[in-house]
Amino acid sequence: MVSKFILAAAAGLTLTSLATPADAQRRRTEGVVRACSNYGNGCTSAPIRRSRFGYEFRMPGGTWVSCRADCRNAIREDMLDFWETQRENQRSPRR
């Protein structure tokens, strides 16, 4: 009985390890969010999806990044105003 359980668990682990990172990217997107720069760097749109830990948006290279509290602000801070956001955070660190 115990050996059957171990065999079944090993088979399950083997099947889950066959999933590739591309499988995660095939998840259905929930929509598109448009964000505009606060510093004149233009506007952009990014697809969003719901993950196990909340919403994520896709960077231009294909990496999915957590939206944190608000997808529009996350896209703006991480894509459009990245260096300006870094500069702001140096002056007044978040607590």
PDB file of N, CA and C in Angstrom:
ATOM      1  N   MET A   1       0.819  -1.192   0.000  1.00  0.00           N
ATOM      2  CA  MET A   1       0.000   0.000   0.000  1.00  0.00           C
ATOM      3  C   MET A   1       0.864   1.257   0.000  1.00  0.00           C
ATOM      4  N   VAL A   2       1.886   1.261   0.864  1.00  0.00           N
ATOM      5  CA  VAL A   2       2.768   2.415   0.940  1.00  0.00           C
ATOM      6  C   VAL A   2       3.542   2.574  -0.360  1.00  0.00           C
ATOM      7  N   SER A   3       3.973   1.479  -0.952  1.00  0.00           N
ATOM      8  CA  SER A   3       4.740   1.568  -2.194  1.00  0.00           C
ATOM      9  C   SER A   3       3.875   2.103  -3.328  1.00  0.00           C
ATOM     10  N   LYS A   4       2.575   1.785  -3.344  1.00  0.00           N
ATOM     11  CA  LYS A   4       1.673   2.328  -4.366  1.00  0.00           C
ATOM     12  C   LYS A   4       1.540   3.839  -4.203  1.00  0.00           C
ATOM     13  N   PHE A   5       1.468   4.291  -2.957  1.00  0.00           N
ATOM     14  CA  PHE A   5       1.376   5.725  -2.687  1.00  0.00           C
ATOM     15  C   PHE A   5       2.644   6.447  -3.152  1.00  0.00           C
ATOM     16  N   ILE A   6       3.785   5.874  -2.838  1.00  0.00           N
ATOM     17  CA  ILE A   6       5.054   6.485  -3.242  1.00  0.00           C
ATOM     18  C   ILE A   6       5.164   6.512  -4.758  1.00  0.00           C
ATOM     19  N   LEU A   7       4.747   5.439  -5.412  1.00  0.00           N
ATOM     20  CA  LEU A   7       4.777   5.384  -6.876  1.00  0.00           C
ATOM     21  C   LEU A   7       3.864   6.444  -7.483  1.00  0.00           C
ATOM     22  N   ALA A   8       2.664   6.598  -6.919  1.00  0.00           N
ATOM     23  CA  ALA A   8       1.724   7.602  -7.419  1.00  0.00           C
ATOM     24  C   ALA A   8       2.262   9.019  -7.193  1.00  0.00           C
ATOM     25  N   ALA A   9       2.876   9.263  -6.041  1.00  0.00           N
ATOM     26  CA  ALA A   9       3.446  10.577  -5.749  1.00  0.00           C
ATOM     27  C   ALA A   9       4.595  10.884  -6.700  1.00  0.00           C
ATOM     28  N   ALA A  10       5.435   9.898  -6.972  1.00  0.00           N
ATOM     29  CA  ALA A  10       6.554  10.100  -7.896  1.00  0.00           C
ATOM     30  C   ALA A  10       6.048  10.385  -9.310  1.00  0.00           C
ATOM     31  N   ALA A  11       5.006   9.694  -9.721  1.00  0.00           N
ATOM     32  CA  ALA A  11       4.436   9.935 -11.050  1.00  0.00           C
ATOM     33  C   ALA A  11       3.863  11.347 -11.131  1.00  0.00           C
ATOM     34  N   GLY A  12       3.205  11.792 -10.079  1.00  0.00           N
ATOM     35  CA  GLY A  12       2.657  13.147 -10.055  1.00  0.00           C
ATOM     36  C   GLY A  12       3.747  14.201 -10.116  1.00  0.00           C
ATOM     37  N   LEU A  13       4.828  13.998  -9.382  1.00  0.00           N
ATOM     38  CA  LEU A  13       5.943  14.946  -9.417  1.00  0.00           C
ATOM     39  C   LEU A  13       6.594  14.977 -10.798  1.00  0.00           C
ATOM     40  N   THR A  14       6.681  13.822 -11.433  1.00  0.00           N
ATOM     41  CA  THR A  14       7.258  13.775 -12.778  1.00  0.00           C
ATOM     42  C   THR A  14       6.411  14.572 -13.752  1.00  0.00           C
ATOM     43  N   LEU A  15       5.104  14.427 -13.680  1.00  0.00           N
ATOM     44  CA  LEU A  15       4.223  15.149 -14.589  1.00  0.00           C
ATOM     45  C   LEU A  15       4.285  16.654 -14.350  1.00  0.00           C
ATOM     46  N   THR A  16       4.345  17.079 -13.095  1.00  0.00           N
ATOM     47  CA  THR A  16       4.407  18.524 -12.829  1.00  0.00           C
ATOM     48  C   THR A  16       5.753  19.103 -13.218  1.00  0.00           C
ATOM     49  N   SER A  17       6.809  18.307 -13.170  1.00  0.00           N
ATOM     50  CA  SER A  17       8.122  18.824 -13.551  1.00  0.00           C
ATOM     51  C   SER A  17       8.264  18.950 -15.063  1.00  0.00           C
ATOM     52  N   LEU A  18       7.357  18.331 -15.830  1.00  0.00           N
ATOM     53  CA  LEU A  18       7.397  18.442 -17.281  1.00  0.00           C
ATOM     54  C   LEU A  18       6.842  19.768 -17.778  1.00  0.00           C
ATOM     55  N   ALA A  19       6.142  20.505 -16.914  1.00  0.00           N
ATOM     56  CA  ALA A  19       5.608  21.814 -17.306  1.00  0.00           C
ATOM     57  C   ALA A  19       6.774  22.773 -17.549  1.00  0.00           C
ATOM     58  N   THR A  20       6.697  23.526 -18.604  1.00  0.00           N
ATOM     59  CA  THR A  20       7.771  24.448 -18.964  1.00  0.00           C
ATOM     60  C   THR A  20       7.365  25.880 -18.632  1.00  0.00           C
ATOM     61  N   PRO A  21       8.318  26.801 -18.583  1.00  0.00           N
ATOM     62  CA  PRO A  21       7.962  28.205 -18.365  1.00  0.00           C
ATOM     63  C   PRO A  21       7.024  28.733 -19.442  1.00  0.00           C
ATOM     64  N   ALA A  22       7.122  28.188 -20.653  1.00  0.00           N
ATOM     65  CA  ALA A  22       6.227  28.635 -21.728  1.00  0.00           C
ATOM     66  C   ALA A  22       4.772  28.299 -21.409  1.00  0.00           C
ATOM     67  N   ASP A  23       4.561  27.207 -20.659  1.00  0.00           N
ATOM     68  CA  ASP A  23       3.194  26.853 -20.269  1.00  0.00           C
ATOM     69  C   ASP A  23       2.577  27.935 -19.405  1.00  0.00           C
ATOM     70  N   ALA A  24       3.370  28.514 -18.525  1.00  0.00           N
ATOM     71  CA  ALA A  24       2.860  29.577 -17.660  1.00  0.00           C
ATOM     72  C   ALA A  24       2.487  30.802 -18.481  1.00  0.00           C
ATOM     73  N   GLN A  25       3.209  31.065 -19.568  1.00  0.00           N
ATOM     74  CA  GLN A  25       2.918  32.237 -20.383  1.00  0.00           C
ATOM     75  C   GLN A  25       1.688  32.021 -21.251  1.00  0.00           C
ATOM     76  N   ARG A  26       1.261  30.776 -21.416  1.00  0.00           N
ATOM     77  CA  ARG A  26       0.077  30.505 -22.228  1.00  0.00           C
ATOM     78  C   ARG A  26      -1.221  30.762 -21.475  1.00  0.00           C
ATOM     79  N   ARG A  27      -1.117  31.118 -20.200  1.00  0.00           N
ATOM     80  CA  ARG A  27      -2.330  31.411 -19.436  1.00  0.00           C
ATOM     81  C   ARG A  27      -3.091  32.540 -20.105  1.00  0.00           C
ATOM     82  N   ARG A  28      -4.382  32.501 -19.958  1.00  0.00           N
ATOM     83  CA  ARG A  28      -5.239  33.498 -20.601  1.00  0.00           C
ATOM     84  C   ARG A  28      -5.034  34.867 -19.957  1.00  0.00           C
ATOM     85  N   THR A  29      -4.871  35.887 -20.789  1.00  0.00           N
ATOM     86  CA  THR A  29      -4.758  37.236 -20.261  1.00  0.00           C
ATOM     87  C   THR A  29      -6.147  37.763 -19.928  1.00  0.00           C
ATOM     88  N   GLU A  30      -6.202  38.630 -18.951  1.00  0.00           N
ATOM     89  CA  GLU A  30      -7.471  39.185 -18.477  1.00  0.00           C
ATOM     90  C   GLU A  30      -7.827  40.485 -19.187  1.00  0.00           C
ATOM     91  N   GLY A  31      -6.877  41.086 -19.862  1.00  0.00           N
ATOM     92  CA  GLY A  31      -7.136  42.345 -20.531  1.00  0.00           C
ATOM     93  C   GLY A  31      -5.847  43.100 -20.757  1.00  0.00           C
ATOM     94  N   VAL A  32      -5.995  44.382 -21.069  1.00  0.00           N
ATOM     95  CA  VAL A  32      -4.854  45.246 -21.340  1.00  0.00           C
ATOM     96  C   VAL A  32      -5.018  46.521 -20.523  1.00  0.00           C
ATOM     97  N   VAL A  33      -3.920  46.980 -19.931  1.00  0.00           N
ATOM     98  CA  VAL A  33      -3.937  48.215 -19.145  1.00  0.00           C
ATOM     99  C   VAL A  33      -3.023  49.219 -19.836  1.00  0.00           C
ATOM    100  N   ARG A  34      -3.487  50.443 -19.951  1.00  0.00           N
ATOM    101  CA  ARG A  34      -2.713  51.529 -20.567  1.00  0.00           C
ATOM    102  C   ARG A  34      -2.221  52.457 -19.462  1.00  0.00           C
ATOM    103  N   ALA A  35      -0.942  52.798 -19.540  1.00  0.00           N
ATOM    104  CA  ALA A  35      -0.333  53.698 -18.559  1.00  0.00           C
ATOM    105  C   ALA A  35       0.456  54.774 -19.286  1.00  0.00           C
ATOM    106  N   CYS A  36       0.484  55.975 -18.711  1.00  0.00           N
ATOM    107  CA  CYS A  36       1.228  57.093 -19.286  1.00  0.00           C
ATOM    108  C   CYS A  36       2.254  57.605 -18.279  1.00  0.00           C
ATOM    109  N   SER A  37       3.376  58.043 -18.793  1.00  0.00           N
ATOM    110  CA  SER A  37       4.482  58.532 -17.986  1.00  0.00           C
ATOM    111  C   SER A  37       4.120  59.834 -17.278  1.00  0.00           C
ATOM    112  N   ASN A  38       4.683  60.026 -16.109  1.00  0.00           N
ATOM    113  CA  ASN A  38       4.558  61.299 -15.396  1.00  0.00           C
ATOM    114  C   ASN A  38       5.658  62.269 -15.817  1.00  0.00           C
ATOM    115  N   TYR A  39       6.620  61.786 -16.629  1.00  0.00           N
ATOM    116  CA  TYR A  39       7.784  62.584 -16.990  1.00  0.00           C
ATOM    117  C   TYR A  39       7.920  62.793 -18.500  1.00  0.00           C
ATOM    118  N   GLY A  40       6.847  62.584 -19.241  1.00  0.00           N
ATOM    119  CA  GLY A  40       6.891  62.821 -20.677  1.00  0.00           C
ATOM    120  C   GLY A  40       7.520  61.710 -21.485  1.00  0.00           C
ATOM    121  N   ASN A  41       7.569  60.502 -20.951  1.00  0.00           N
ATOM    122  CA  ASN A  41       8.164  59.369 -21.661  1.00  0.00           C
ATOM    123  C   ASN A  41       7.153  58.602 -22.504  1.00  0.00           C
ATOM    124  N   GLY A  42       5.990  59.165 -22.718  1.00  0.00           N
ATOM    125  CA  GLY A  42       4.985  58.525 -23.561  1.00  0.00           C
ATOM    126  C   GLY A  42       4.028  57.632 -22.792  1.00  0.00           C
ATOM    127  N   CYS A  43       3.280  56.845 -23.547  1.00  0.00           N
ATOM    128  CA  CYS A  43       2.300  55.913 -22.985  1.00  0.00           C
ATOM    129  C   CYS A  43       2.565  54.528 -23.548  1.00  0.00           C
ATOM    130  N   THR A  44       2.109  53.525 -22.848  1.00  0.00           N
ATOM    131  CA  THR A  44       2.228  52.148 -23.325  1.00  0.00           C
ATOM    132  C   THR A  44       1.072  51.330 -22.791  1.00  0.00           C
ATOM    133  N   SER A  45       0.853  50.192 -23.394  1.00  0.00           N
ATOM    134  CA  SER A  45      -0.166  49.245 -22.944  1.00  0.00           C
ATOM    135  C   SER A  45       0.507  47.911 -22.682  1.00  0.00           C
ATOM    136  N   ALA A  46      -0.016  47.183 -21.707  1.00  0.00           N
ATOM    137  CA  ALA A  46       0.540  45.872 -21.383  1.00  0.00           C
ATOM    138  C   ALA A  46      -0.592  44.915 -21.028  1.00  0.00           C
ATOM    139  N   PRO A  47      -0.494  43.674 -21.483  1.00  0.00           N
ATOM    140  CA  PRO A  47      -1.497  42.680 -21.102  1.00  0.00           C
ATOM    141  C   PRO A  47      -1.350  42.333 -19.628  1.00  0.00           C
ATOM    142  N   ILE A  48      -2.465  42.041 -18.984  1.00  0.00           N
ATOM    143  CA  ILE A  48      -2.439  41.623 -17.583  1.00  0.00           C
ATOM    144  C   ILE A  48      -3.101  40.264 -17.463  1.00  0.00           C
ATOM    145  N   ARG A  49      -2.759  39.544 -16.410  1.00  0.00           N
ATOM    146  CA  ARG A  49      -3.372  38.255 -16.120  1.00  0.00           C
ATOM    147  C   ARG A  49      -3.455  38.096 -14.609  1.00  0.00           C
ATOM    148  N   ARG A  50      -4.343  37.242 -14.181  1.00  0.00           N
ATOM    149  CA  ARG A  50      -4.460  36.923 -12.756  1.00  0.00           C
ATOM    150  C   ARG A  50      -3.586  35.703 -12.487  1.00  0.00           C
ATOM    151  N   SER A  51      -2.724  35.815 -11.497  1.00  0.00           N
ATOM    152  CA  SER A  51      -1.893  34.682 -11.096  1.00  0.00           C
ATOM    153  C   SER A  51      -2.322  34.232  -9.707  1.00  0.00           C
ATOM    154  N   ARG A  52      -1.613  33.300  -9.191  1.00  0.00           N
ATOM    155  CA  ARG A  52      -1.945  32.778  -7.867  1.00  0.00           C
ATOM    156  C   ARG A  52      -1.806  33.843  -6.786  1.00  0.00           C
ATOM    157  N   PHE A  53      -0.919  34.826  -6.996  1.00  0.00           N
ATOM    158  CA  PHE A  53      -0.629  35.835  -5.979  1.00  0.00           C
ATOM    159  C   PHE A  53      -1.178  37.211  -6.318  1.00  0.00           C
ATOM    160  N   GLY A  54      -2.021  37.325  -7.310  1.00  0.00           N
ATOM    161  CA  GLY A  54      -2.588  38.604  -7.706  1.00  0.00           C
ATOM    162  C   GLY A  54      -2.378  38.844  -9.189  1.00  0.00           C
ATOM    163  N   TYR A  55      -2.556  40.083  -9.603  1.00  0.00           N
ATOM    164  CA  TYR A  55      -2.407  40.407 -11.021  1.00  0.00           C
ATOM    165  C   TYR A  55      -0.953  40.620 -11.396  1.00  0.00           C
ATOM    166  N   GLU A  56      -0.633  40.324 -12.664  1.00  0.00           N
ATOM    167  CA  GLU A  56       0.689  40.528 -13.222  1.00  0.00           C
ATOM    168  C   GLU A  56       0.550  41.198 -14.581  1.00  0.00           C
ATOM    169  N   PHE A  57       1.576  41.945 -14.986  1.00  0.00           N
ATOM    170  CA  PHE A  57       1.606  42.501 -16.333  1.00  0.00           C
ATOM    171  C   PHE A  57       2.841  41.975 -17.051  1.00  0.00           C
ATOM    172  N   ARG A  58       2.777  41.972 -18.396  1.00  0.00           N
ATOM    173  CA  ARG A  58       3.884  41.436 -19.181  1.00  0.00           C
ATOM    174  C   ARG A  58       4.779  42.553 -19.686  1.00  0.00           C
ATOM    175  N   MET A  59       6.068  42.424 -19.400  1.00  0.00           N
ATOM    176  CA  MET A  59       7.077  43.357 -19.900  1.00  0.00           C
ATOM    177  C   MET A  59       7.283  43.088 -21.391  1.00  0.00           C
ATOM    178  N   PRO A  60       7.904  44.025 -22.115  1.00  0.00           N
ATOM    179  CA  PRO A  60       8.114  43.830 -23.547  1.00  0.00           C
ATOM    180  C   PRO A  60       8.901  42.559 -23.894  1.00  0.00           C
ATOM    181  N   GLY A  61       9.801  42.126 -23.043  1.00  0.00           N
ATOM    182  CA  GLY A  61      10.583  40.915 -23.298  1.00  0.00           C
ATOM    183  C   GLY A  61       9.848  39.626 -23.001  1.00  0.00           C
ATOM    184  N   GLY A  62       8.653  39.719 -22.407  1.00  0.00           N
ATOM    185  CA  GLY A  62       7.859  38.533 -22.123  1.00  0.00           C
ATOM    186  C   GLY A  62       7.804  38.140 -20.664  1.00  0.00           C
ATOM    187  N   THR A  63       8.571  38.803 -19.807  1.00  0.00           N
ATOM    188  CA  THR A  63       8.567  38.490 -18.384  1.00  0.00           C
ATOM    189  C   THR A  63       7.298  39.029 -17.739  1.00  0.00           C
ATOM    190  N   TRP A  64       6.678  38.221 -16.884  1.00  0.00           N
ATOM    191  CA  TRP A  64       5.482  38.657 -16.152  1.00  0.00           C
ATOM    192  C   TRP A  64       5.917  39.200 -14.801  1.00  0.00           C
ATOM    193  N   VAL A  65       5.444  40.413 -14.464  1.00  0.00           N
ATOM    194  CA  VAL A  65       5.840  41.121 -13.239  1.00  0.00           C
ATOM    195  C   VAL A  65       4.594  41.407 -12.421  1.00  0.00           C
ATOM    196  N   SER A  66       4.704  41.290 -11.113  1.00  0.00           N
ATOM    197  CA  SER A  66       3.573  41.549 -10.217  1.00  0.00           C
ATOM    198  C   SER A  66       3.134  43.005 -10.312  1.00  0.00           C
ATOM    199  N   CYS A  67       1.820  43.197 -10.280  1.00  0.00           N
ATOM    200  CA  CYS A  67       1.262  44.557 -10.321  1.00  0.00           C
ATOM    201  C   CYS A  67       1.328  45.244  -8.959  1.00  0.00           C
ATOM    202  N   ARG A  68       1.640  44.524  -7.931  1.00  0.00           N
ATOM    203  CA  ARG A  68       1.595  45.052  -6.571  1.00  0.00           C
ATOM    204  C   ARG A  68       0.175  45.529  -6.283  1.00  0.00           C
ATOM    205  N   ALA A  69      -0.028  46.782  -5.899  1.00  0.00           N
ATOM    206  CA  ALA A  69      -1.373  47.273  -5.555  1.00  0.00           C
ATOM    207  C   ALA A  69      -2.169  47.715  -6.780  1.00  0.00           C
ATOM    208  N   ASP A  70      -1.494  48.316  -7.774  1.00  0.00           N
ATOM    209  CA  ASP A  70      -2.200  48.899  -8.913  1.00  0.00           C
ATOM    210  C   ASP A  70      -1.404  48.638 -10.192  1.00  0.00           C
ATOM    211  N   CYS A  71      -2.010  47.985 -11.166  1.00  0.00           N
ATOM    212  CA  CYS A  71      -1.307  47.635 -12.406  1.00  0.00           C
ATOM    213  C   CYS A  71      -0.866  48.872 -13.184  1.00  0.00           C
ATOM    214  N   ARG A  72      -1.696  49.881 -13.251  1.00  0.00           N
ATOM    215  CA  ARG A  72      -1.343  51.076 -14.018  1.00  0.00           C
ATOM    216  C   ARG A  72      -0.083  51.730 -13.451  1.00  0.00           C
ATOM    217  N   ASN A  73      -0.014  51.884 -12.138  1.00  0.00           N
ATOM    218  CA  ASN A  73       1.180  52.480 -11.519  1.00  0.00           C
ATOM    219  C   ASN A  73       2.396  51.572 -11.660  1.00  0.00           C
ATOM    220  N   ALA A  74       2.191  50.265 -11.538  1.00  0.00           N
ATOM    221  CA  ALA A  74       3.313  49.336 -11.673  1.00  0.00           C
ATOM    222  C   ALA A  74       3.898  49.396 -13.079  1.00  0.00           C
ATOM    223  N   ILE A  75       3.043  49.457 -14.102  1.00  0.00           N
ATOM    224  CA  ILE A  75       3.524  49.562 -15.481  1.00  0.00           C
ATOM    225  C   ILE A  75       4.282  50.875 -15.665  1.00  0.00           C
ATOM    226  N   ARG A  76       3.719  51.953 -15.169  1.00  0.00           N
ATOM    227  CA  ARG A  76       4.373  53.251 -15.294  1.00  0.00           C
ATOM    228  C   ARG A  76       5.731  53.251 -14.598  1.00  0.00           C
ATOM    229  N   GLU A  77       5.787  52.753 -13.355  1.00  0.00           N
ATOM    230  CA  GLU A  77       7.027  52.769 -12.587  1.00  0.00           C
ATOM    231  C   GLU A  77       8.081  51.814 -13.141  1.00  0.00           C
ATOM    232  N   ASP A  78       7.657  50.633 -13.609  1.00  0.00           N
ATOM    233  CA  ASP A  78       8.612  49.611 -14.028  1.00  0.00           C
ATOM    234  C   ASP A  78       8.999  49.684 -15.500  1.00  0.00           C
ATOM    235  N   MET A  79       8.173  50.334 -16.326  1.00  0.00           N
ATOM    236  CA  MET A  79       8.487  50.395 -17.753  1.00  0.00           C
ATOM    237  C   MET A  79       8.781  51.813 -18.232  1.00  0.00           C
ATOM    238  N   LEU A  80       7.903  52.727 -17.976  1.00  0.00           N
ATOM    239  CA  LEU A  80       8.018  54.074 -18.547  1.00  0.00           C
ATOM    240  C   LEU A  80       8.929  54.990 -17.738  1.00  0.00           C
ATOM    241  N   ASP A  81       8.734  55.017 -16.443  1.00  0.00           N
ATOM    242  CA  ASP A  81       9.468  55.947 -15.569  1.00  0.00           C
ATOM    243  C   ASP A  81      10.432  55.207 -14.649  1.00  0.00           C
ATOM    244  N   PHE A  82      11.079  54.161 -15.160  1.00  0.00           N
ATOM    245  CA  PHE A  82      11.924  53.317 -14.311  1.00  0.00           C
ATOM    246  C   PHE A  82      13.009  54.121 -13.607  1.00  0.00           C
ATOM    247  N   TRP A  83      13.805  54.870 -14.374  1.00  0.00           N
ATOM    248  CA  TRP A  83      14.937  55.592 -13.772  1.00  0.00           C
ATOM    249  C   TRP A  83      14.469  56.734 -12.893  1.00  0.00           C
ATOM    250  N   GLU A  84      13.399  57.395 -13.276  1.00  0.00           N
ATOM    251  CA  GLU A  84      12.863  58.459 -12.436  1.00  0.00           C
ATOM    252  C   GLU A  84      12.348  57.889 -11.108  1.00  0.00           C
ATOM    253  N   THR A  85      11.720  56.728 -11.164  1.00  0.00           N
ATOM    254  CA  THR A  85      11.225  56.077  -9.947  1.00  0.00           C
ATOM    255  C   THR A  85      12.389  55.680  -9.054  1.00  0.00           C
ATOM    256  N   GLN A  86      13.472  55.181  -9.657  1.00  0.00           N
ATOM    257  CA  GLN A  86      14.649  54.824  -8.867  1.00  0.00           C
ATOM    258  C   GLN A  86      15.211  56.058  -8.168  1.00  0.00           C
ATOM    259  N   ARG A  87      15.258  57.166  -8.890  1.00  0.00           N
ATOM    260  CA  ARG A  87      15.771  58.413  -8.316  1.00  0.00           C
ATOM    261  C   ARG A  87      14.883  58.886  -7.165  1.00  0.00           C
ATOM    262  N   GLU A  88      13.560  58.813  -7.364  1.00  0.00           N
ATOM    263  CA  GLU A  88      12.629  59.231  -6.309  1.00  0.00           C
ATOM    264  C   GLU A  88      12.787  58.357  -5.064  1.00  0.00           C
ATOM    265  N   ASN A  89      12.940  57.070  -5.256  1.00  0.00           N
ATOM    266  CA  ASN A  89      13.063  56.159  -4.124  1.00  0.00           C
ATOM    267  C   ASN A  89      14.373  56.345  -3.375  1.00  0.00           C
ATOM    268  N   GLN A  90      15.405  56.845  -4.041  1.00  0.00           N
ATOM    269  CA  GLN A  90      16.663  57.143  -3.359  1.00  0.00           C
ATOM    270  C   GLN A  90      16.511  58.323  -2.435  1.00  0.00           C
ATOM    271  N   ARG A  91      15.783  59.329  -2.893  1.00  0.00           N
ATOM    272  CA  ARG A  91      15.589  60.531  -2.084  1.00  0.00           C
ATOM    273  C   ARG A  91      14.709  60.276  -0.876  1.00  0.00           C
ATOM    274  N   SER A  92      13.636  59.539  -1.082  1.00  0.00           N
ATOM    275  CA  SER A  92      12.706  59.266   0.022  1.00  0.00           C
ATOM    276  C   SER A  92      12.380  57.779   0.048  1.00  0.00           C
ATOM    277  N   PRO A  93      13.183  57.006   0.775  1.00  0.00           N
ATOM    278  CA  PRO A  93      12.971  55.560   0.803  1.00  0.00           C
ATOM    279  C   PRO A  93      11.616  55.206   1.395  1.00  0.00           C
ATOM    280  N   ARG A  94      11.028  54.144   0.835  1.00  0.00           N
ATOM    281  CA  ARG A  94       9.734  53.679   1.360  1.00  0.00           C
ATOM    282  C   ARG A  94       9.956  52.971   2.679  1.00  0.00           C
ATOM    283  N   ARG A  95       9.020  53.135   3.562  1.00  0.00           N
ATOM    284  CA  ARG A  95       9.148  52.486   4.883  1.00  0.00           C
ATOM    285  C   ARG A  95       8.124  51.438   5.049  1.00  0.00           C
TER     286      ARG A  95
END
